[in-house]
Amino acid sequence: MFASSGCAGETAIVNIAPDEARRILERTCDRVKLRANANGECFGGEIMDSLREAGVELGANHFEILQTRSLLVRSMELLGEEYPAEILQDYDNRIPLSAALRFLNEAIEGTGAQRS
């Protein structure tokens, strides 16, 4: 499906990143902070749940939410995570809130870099 559109898919990601993705990611940060336990930890899956909820609250469509997730996964890879998609699906192991916020803040900064 995307093979024929090639560059058009890339353009779509750049178009969403500065506007919608930044707002979705910022709202996701707020939601993840609320979900953290008393020890300052959250499940990786809660990051993705928060991202979905933030996107829905802001009126983003499903595709925009998936593009934002891709941006987050790429940012996590840049920070050295070997299997970021697995972390975002994990409800068995908690991660420090500081790590979750670092991933999200890196993705937010990535939206600013794409804007220029």
N, C-alpha and C. Protein backbone atom coordinates (compact mmCIF):
# COMPACT_ATOMS: atom_id res chain seq x y z
N MET A 1 0.82 -1.19 0.00
CA MET A 1 0.00 0.00 0.00
C MET A 1 0.87 1.26 0.00
N PHE A 2 1.87 1.31 0.87
CA PHE A 2 2.72 2.50 0.94
C PHE A 2 3.89 2.44 -0.03
N ALA A 3 4.16 1.25 -0.58
CA ALA A 3 5.30 1.12 -1.47
C ALA A 3 5.17 2.04 -2.68
N SER A 4 3.98 2.16 -3.20
CA SER A 4 3.81 3.01 -4.38
C SER A 4 3.84 4.50 -4.04
N SER A 5 3.50 4.85 -2.80
CA SER A 5 3.47 6.26 -2.45
C SER A 5 4.81 6.79 -1.97
N GLY A 6 5.71 5.92 -1.56
CA GLY A 6 7.08 6.27 -1.19
C GLY A 6 7.24 7.59 -0.47
N CYS A 7 7.62 8.62 -1.20
CA CYS A 7 7.89 9.92 -0.61
C CYS A 7 6.64 10.56 -0.02
N ALA A 8 5.50 10.26 -0.55
CA ALA A 8 4.26 10.84 -0.02
C ALA A 8 4.06 10.42 1.43
N GLY A 9 4.41 9.18 1.77
CA GLY A 9 4.31 8.73 3.15
C GLY A 9 5.24 9.51 4.06
N GLU A 10 6.44 9.78 3.58
CA GLU A 10 7.39 10.57 4.36
C GLU A 10 6.85 11.97 4.58
N THR A 11 6.27 12.56 3.55
CA THR A 11 5.72 13.90 3.67
C THR A 11 4.62 13.94 4.70
N ALA A 12 3.78 12.91 4.74
CA ALA A 12 2.68 12.87 5.69
C ALA A 12 3.20 12.88 7.12
N ILE A 13 4.27 12.15 7.38
CA ILE A 13 4.83 12.11 8.72
C ILE A 13 5.37 13.48 9.11
N VAL A 14 6.07 14.13 8.19
CA VAL A 14 6.59 15.46 8.47
C VAL A 14 5.45 16.44 8.69
N ASN A 15 4.37 16.32 7.91
CA ASN A 15 3.25 17.23 8.07
C ASN A 15 2.56 17.09 9.41
N ILE A 16 2.45 15.87 9.92
CA ILE A 16 1.77 15.71 11.20
C ILE A 16 2.69 16.06 12.36
N ALA A 17 3.96 15.76 12.26
CA ALA A 17 4.86 15.86 13.40
C ALA A 17 4.85 17.22 14.08
N PRO A 18 5.02 18.32 13.36
CA PRO A 18 5.08 19.60 14.07
C PRO A 18 3.77 20.00 14.74
N ASP A 19 2.65 19.68 14.13
CA ASP A 19 1.38 20.17 14.65
C ASP A 19 0.73 19.19 15.62
N GLU A 20 0.17 18.13 15.08
CA GLU A 20 -0.60 17.19 15.89
C GLU A 20 0.27 16.37 16.84
N ALA A 21 1.37 15.84 16.33
CA ALA A 21 2.20 14.93 17.13
C ALA A 21 2.72 15.62 18.40
N ARG A 22 3.15 16.84 18.27
CA ARG A 22 3.68 17.57 19.43
C ARG A 22 2.61 17.69 20.52
N ARG A 23 1.40 18.05 20.11
CA ARG A 23 0.31 18.19 21.09
C ARG A 23 -0.07 16.84 21.70
N ILE A 24 -0.10 15.81 20.87
CA ILE A 24 -0.41 14.47 21.37
C ILE A 24 0.66 14.02 22.37
N LEU A 25 1.92 14.22 22.02
CA LEU A 25 3.01 13.79 22.90
C LEU A 25 3.04 14.57 24.21
N GLU A 26 2.76 15.86 24.15
CA GLU A 26 2.73 16.67 25.38
C GLU A 26 1.61 16.20 26.30
N ARG A 27 0.45 15.93 25.73
CA ARG A 27 -0.67 15.44 26.54
C ARG A 27 -0.37 14.05 27.08
N THR A 28 0.34 13.25 26.29
CA THR A 28 0.74 11.91 26.73
C THR A 28 1.64 11.99 27.95
N CYS A 29 2.57 12.95 27.97
CA CYS A 29 3.43 13.14 29.14
C CYS A 29 2.60 13.37 30.39
N ASP A 30 1.60 14.22 30.29
CA ASP A 30 0.75 14.50 31.45
C ASP A 30 0.02 13.24 31.91
N ARG A 31 -0.49 12.47 30.97
CA ARG A 31 -1.24 11.27 31.32
C ARG A 31 -0.34 10.20 31.95
N VAL A 32 0.88 10.05 31.43
CA VAL A 32 1.81 9.05 31.97
C VAL A 32 2.17 9.40 33.41
N LYS A 33 2.37 10.67 33.68
CA LYS A 33 2.67 11.10 35.05
C LYS A 33 1.55 10.70 36.00
N LEU A 34 0.31 10.81 35.54
CA LEU A 34 -0.84 10.45 36.39
C LEU A 34 -0.94 8.95 36.60
N ARG A 35 -0.46 8.17 35.66
CA ARG A 35 -0.55 6.71 35.76
C ARG A 35 0.58 6.08 36.58
N ALA A 36 1.62 6.83 36.84
CA ALA A 36 2.77 6.26 37.57
C ALA A 36 2.37 5.85 38.98
N ASN A 37 3.01 4.81 39.47
CA ASN A 37 2.73 4.36 40.84
C ASN A 37 3.54 5.19 41.84
N ALA A 38 3.41 4.85 43.11
CA ALA A 38 4.09 5.60 44.18
C ALA A 38 5.61 5.52 44.09
N ASN A 39 6.11 4.49 43.42
CA ASN A 39 7.56 4.33 43.26
C ASN A 39 8.09 5.04 42.02
N GLY A 40 7.23 5.78 41.33
CA GLY A 40 7.67 6.50 40.13
C GLY A 40 7.91 5.58 38.96
N GLU A 41 7.07 4.57 38.81
CA GLU A 41 7.20 3.61 37.71
C GLU A 41 5.87 3.48 36.98
N CYS A 42 5.97 3.07 35.71
CA CYS A 42 4.76 2.79 34.94
C CYS A 42 5.07 1.63 34.00
N PHE A 43 4.02 1.02 33.49
CA PHE A 43 4.19 -0.02 32.49
C PHE A 43 4.42 0.64 31.14
N GLY A 44 5.23 0.03 30.30
CA GLY A 44 5.44 0.57 28.97
C GLY A 44 4.15 0.65 28.18
N GLY A 45 3.27 -0.33 28.40
CA GLY A 45 1.98 -0.32 27.71
C GLY A 45 1.13 0.88 28.07
N GLU A 46 1.35 1.41 29.28
CA GLU A 46 0.59 2.60 29.70
C GLU A 46 0.99 3.83 28.91
N ILE A 47 2.21 3.85 28.39
CA ILE A 47 2.65 4.96 27.54
C ILE A 47 1.79 4.96 26.27
N MET A 48 1.64 3.78 25.67
CA MET A 48 0.85 3.69 24.44
C MET A 48 -0.62 3.95 24.71
N ASP A 49 -1.14 3.45 25.82
CA ASP A 49 -2.53 3.74 26.18
C ASP A 49 -2.75 5.24 26.32
N SER A 50 -1.80 5.90 26.98
CA SER A 50 -1.89 7.34 27.19
C SER A 50 -1.80 8.09 25.86
N LEU A 51 -0.96 7.60 24.96
CA LEU A 51 -0.83 8.24 23.65
C LEU A 51 -2.14 8.13 22.88
N ARG A 52 -2.76 6.95 22.90
CA ARG A 52 -4.04 6.76 22.21
C ARG A 52 -5.11 7.68 22.79
N GLU A 53 -5.20 7.72 24.12
CA GLU A 53 -6.20 8.55 24.79
C GLU A 53 -5.98 10.03 24.49
N ALA A 54 -4.73 10.46 24.50
CA ALA A 54 -4.42 11.86 24.20
C ALA A 54 -4.81 12.20 22.77
N GLY A 55 -4.52 11.30 21.85
CA GLY A 55 -4.88 11.53 20.46
C GLY A 55 -6.38 11.65 20.26
N VAL A 56 -7.13 10.77 20.93
CA VAL A 56 -8.58 10.80 20.82
C VAL A 56 -9.12 12.10 21.42
N GLU A 57 -8.59 12.51 22.57
CA GLU A 57 -9.02 13.76 23.20
C GLU A 57 -8.81 14.96 22.29
N LEU A 58 -7.72 14.93 21.54
CA LEU A 58 -7.38 16.06 20.68
C LEU A 58 -8.03 15.96 19.30
N GLY A 59 -8.80 14.90 19.07
CA GLY A 59 -9.50 14.75 17.81
C GLY A 59 -8.65 14.22 16.67
N ALA A 60 -7.52 13.61 17.00
CA ALA A 60 -6.67 13.04 15.95
C ALA A 60 -7.31 11.77 15.42
N ASN A 61 -7.10 11.51 14.13
CA ASN A 61 -7.62 10.26 13.58
C ASN A 61 -6.63 9.13 13.85
N HIS A 62 -7.06 7.91 13.56
CA HIS A 62 -6.25 6.73 13.86
C HIS A 62 -4.88 6.79 13.18
N PHE A 63 -4.84 7.24 11.95
CA PHE A 63 -3.59 7.31 11.22
C PHE A 63 -2.61 8.30 11.87
N GLU A 64 -3.11 9.43 12.33
CA GLU A 64 -2.25 10.42 12.99
C GLU A 64 -1.69 9.86 14.30
N ILE A 65 -2.49 9.09 15.01
CA ILE A 65 -2.01 8.47 16.25
C ILE A 65 -0.92 7.45 15.93
N LEU A 66 -1.10 6.67 14.87
CA LEU A 66 -0.07 5.70 14.48
C LEU A 66 1.21 6.39 14.03
N GLN A 67 1.09 7.51 13.33
CA GLN A 67 2.28 8.26 12.92
C GLN A 67 3.02 8.79 14.15
N THR A 68 2.27 9.24 15.14
CA THR A 68 2.89 9.75 16.37
C THR A 68 3.59 8.62 17.10
N ARG A 69 2.97 7.44 17.11
CA ARG A 69 3.60 6.27 17.73
C ARG A 69 4.92 5.95 17.02
N SER A 70 4.93 6.03 15.68
CA SER A 70 6.16 5.77 14.93
C SER A 70 7.25 6.77 15.28
N LEU A 71 6.87 8.01 15.46
CA LEU A 71 7.82 9.04 15.87
C LEU A 71 8.40 8.71 17.25
N LEU A 72 7.55 8.26 18.16
CA LEU A 72 8.00 7.88 19.50
C LEU A 72 8.95 6.68 19.44
N VAL A 73 8.60 5.68 18.64
CA VAL A 73 9.46 4.50 18.50
C VAL A 73 10.83 4.88 17.96
N ARG A 74 10.86 5.75 16.94
CA ARG A 74 12.15 6.19 16.39
C ARG A 74 12.97 6.94 17.43
N SER A 75 12.32 7.75 18.23
CA SER A 75 13.03 8.48 19.28
C SER A 75 13.59 7.53 20.33
N MET A 76 12.83 6.50 20.66
CA MET A 76 13.31 5.51 21.62
C MET A 76 14.52 4.77 21.08
N GLU A 77 14.50 4.47 19.78
CA GLU A 77 15.65 3.82 19.15
C GLU A 77 16.87 4.72 19.21
N LEU A 78 16.68 6.01 18.98
CA LEU A 78 17.80 6.95 19.05
C LEU A 78 18.41 7.01 20.45
N LEU A 79 17.59 6.75 21.45
CA LEU A 79 18.08 6.75 22.84
C LEU A 79 18.68 5.41 23.25
N GLY A 80 18.76 4.46 22.30
CA GLY A 80 19.44 3.20 22.56
C GLY A 80 18.56 2.02 22.91
N GLU A 81 17.25 2.18 22.87
CA GLU A 81 16.37 1.05 23.14
C GLU A 81 16.41 0.10 21.95
N GLU A 82 16.66 -1.18 22.23
CA GLU A 82 16.77 -2.15 21.15
C GLU A 82 15.41 -2.61 20.63
N TYR A 83 14.41 -2.70 21.51
CA TYR A 83 13.09 -3.19 21.12
C TYR A 83 12.00 -2.24 21.63
N PRO A 84 11.94 -1.03 21.10
CA PRO A 84 10.99 -0.05 21.63
C PRO A 84 9.53 -0.45 21.45
N ALA A 85 9.19 -1.11 20.37
CA ALA A 85 7.79 -1.51 20.15
C ALA A 85 7.35 -2.50 21.22
N GLU A 86 8.26 -3.36 21.66
CA GLU A 86 7.93 -4.31 22.73
C GLU A 86 7.69 -3.60 24.05
N ILE A 87 8.47 -2.57 24.33
CA ILE A 87 8.28 -1.81 25.57
C ILE A 87 6.89 -1.19 25.59
N LEU A 88 6.44 -0.67 24.44
CA LEU A 88 5.15 0.00 24.37
C LEU A 88 3.97 -0.98 24.44
N GLN A 89 4.26 -2.28 24.45
CA GLN A 89 3.21 -3.28 24.58
C GLN A 89 3.31 -4.05 25.89
N ASP A 90 4.28 -3.71 26.73
CA ASP A 90 4.59 -4.49 27.93
C ASP A 90 3.75 -4.03 29.14
N TYR A 91 2.97 -4.95 29.67
CA TYR A 91 2.19 -4.69 30.89
C TYR A 91 2.67 -5.57 32.04
N ASP A 92 3.83 -6.22 31.87
CA ASP A 92 4.36 -7.11 32.91
C ASP A 92 5.51 -6.48 33.69
N ASN A 93 6.28 -5.64 33.04
CA ASN A 93 7.46 -5.05 33.67
C ASN A 93 7.34 -3.53 33.71
N ARG A 94 7.58 -2.98 34.86
CA ARG A 94 7.51 -1.53 35.01
C ARG A 94 8.84 -0.90 34.60
N ILE A 95 8.73 0.34 34.11
CA ILE A 95 9.93 1.11 33.80
C ILE A 95 9.86 2.40 34.61
N PRO A 96 11.02 3.01 34.90
CA PRO A 96 11.00 4.26 35.64
C PRO A 96 10.27 5.35 34.87
N LEU A 97 9.52 6.16 35.59
CA LEU A 97 8.82 7.28 34.97
C LEU A 97 9.81 8.19 34.25
N SER A 98 11.00 8.34 34.82
CA SER A 98 12.00 9.21 34.19
C SER A 98 12.37 8.70 32.79
N ALA A 99 12.42 7.37 32.62
CA ALA A 99 12.72 6.80 31.29
C ALA A 99 11.57 7.08 30.33
N ALA A 100 10.34 6.89 30.80
CA ALA A 100 9.17 7.14 29.96
C ALA A 100 9.14 8.61 29.51
N LEU A 101 9.38 9.51 30.44
CA LEU A 101 9.38 10.94 30.11
C LEU A 101 10.54 11.31 29.20
N ARG A 102 11.68 10.65 29.36
CA ARG A 102 12.83 10.89 28.49
C ARG A 102 12.48 10.50 27.05
N PHE A 103 11.81 9.34 26.88
CA PHE A 103 11.38 8.92 25.54
C PHE A 103 10.44 9.94 24.92
N LEU A 104 9.45 10.35 25.71
CA LEU A 104 8.45 11.29 25.20
C LEU A 104 9.05 12.66 24.90
N ASN A 105 9.92 13.14 25.77
CA ASN A 105 10.55 14.45 25.54
C ASN A 105 11.46 14.43 24.32
N GLU A 106 12.13 13.32 24.10
CA GLU A 106 12.97 13.18 22.90
C GLU A 106 12.10 13.25 21.65
N ALA A 107 10.95 12.60 21.69
CA ALA A 107 10.03 12.64 20.54
C ALA A 107 9.49 14.06 20.33
N ILE A 108 9.18 14.75 21.43
CA ILE A 108 8.70 16.13 21.33
C ILE A 108 9.77 17.02 20.70
N GLU A 109 11.01 16.86 21.14
CA GLU A 109 12.10 17.63 20.56
C GLU A 109 12.27 17.30 19.07
N GLY A 110 12.01 16.05 18.71
CA GLY A 110 12.09 15.63 17.31
C GLY A 110 11.07 16.36 16.44
N THR A 111 9.92 16.67 17.01
CA THR A 111 8.92 17.40 16.23
C THR A 111 9.39 18.81 15.96
N GLY A 112 10.09 19.41 16.90
CA GLY A 112 10.62 20.77 16.70
C GLY A 112 11.72 20.79 15.67
N ALA A 113 12.54 19.74 15.63
CA ALA A 113 13.62 19.68 14.66
C ALA A 113 13.07 19.54 13.25
N GLN A 114 11.94 18.82 13.11
CA GLN A 114 11.37 18.64 11.79
C GLN A 114 10.67 19.91 11.32
N ARG A 115 10.28 20.76 12.24
CA ARG A 115 9.56 21.98 11.90
C ARG A 115 10.43 22.93 11.09
N SER A 116 11.73 22.99 11.40
CA SER A 116 12.61 23.95 10.73
C SER A 116 13.08 23.51 9.38
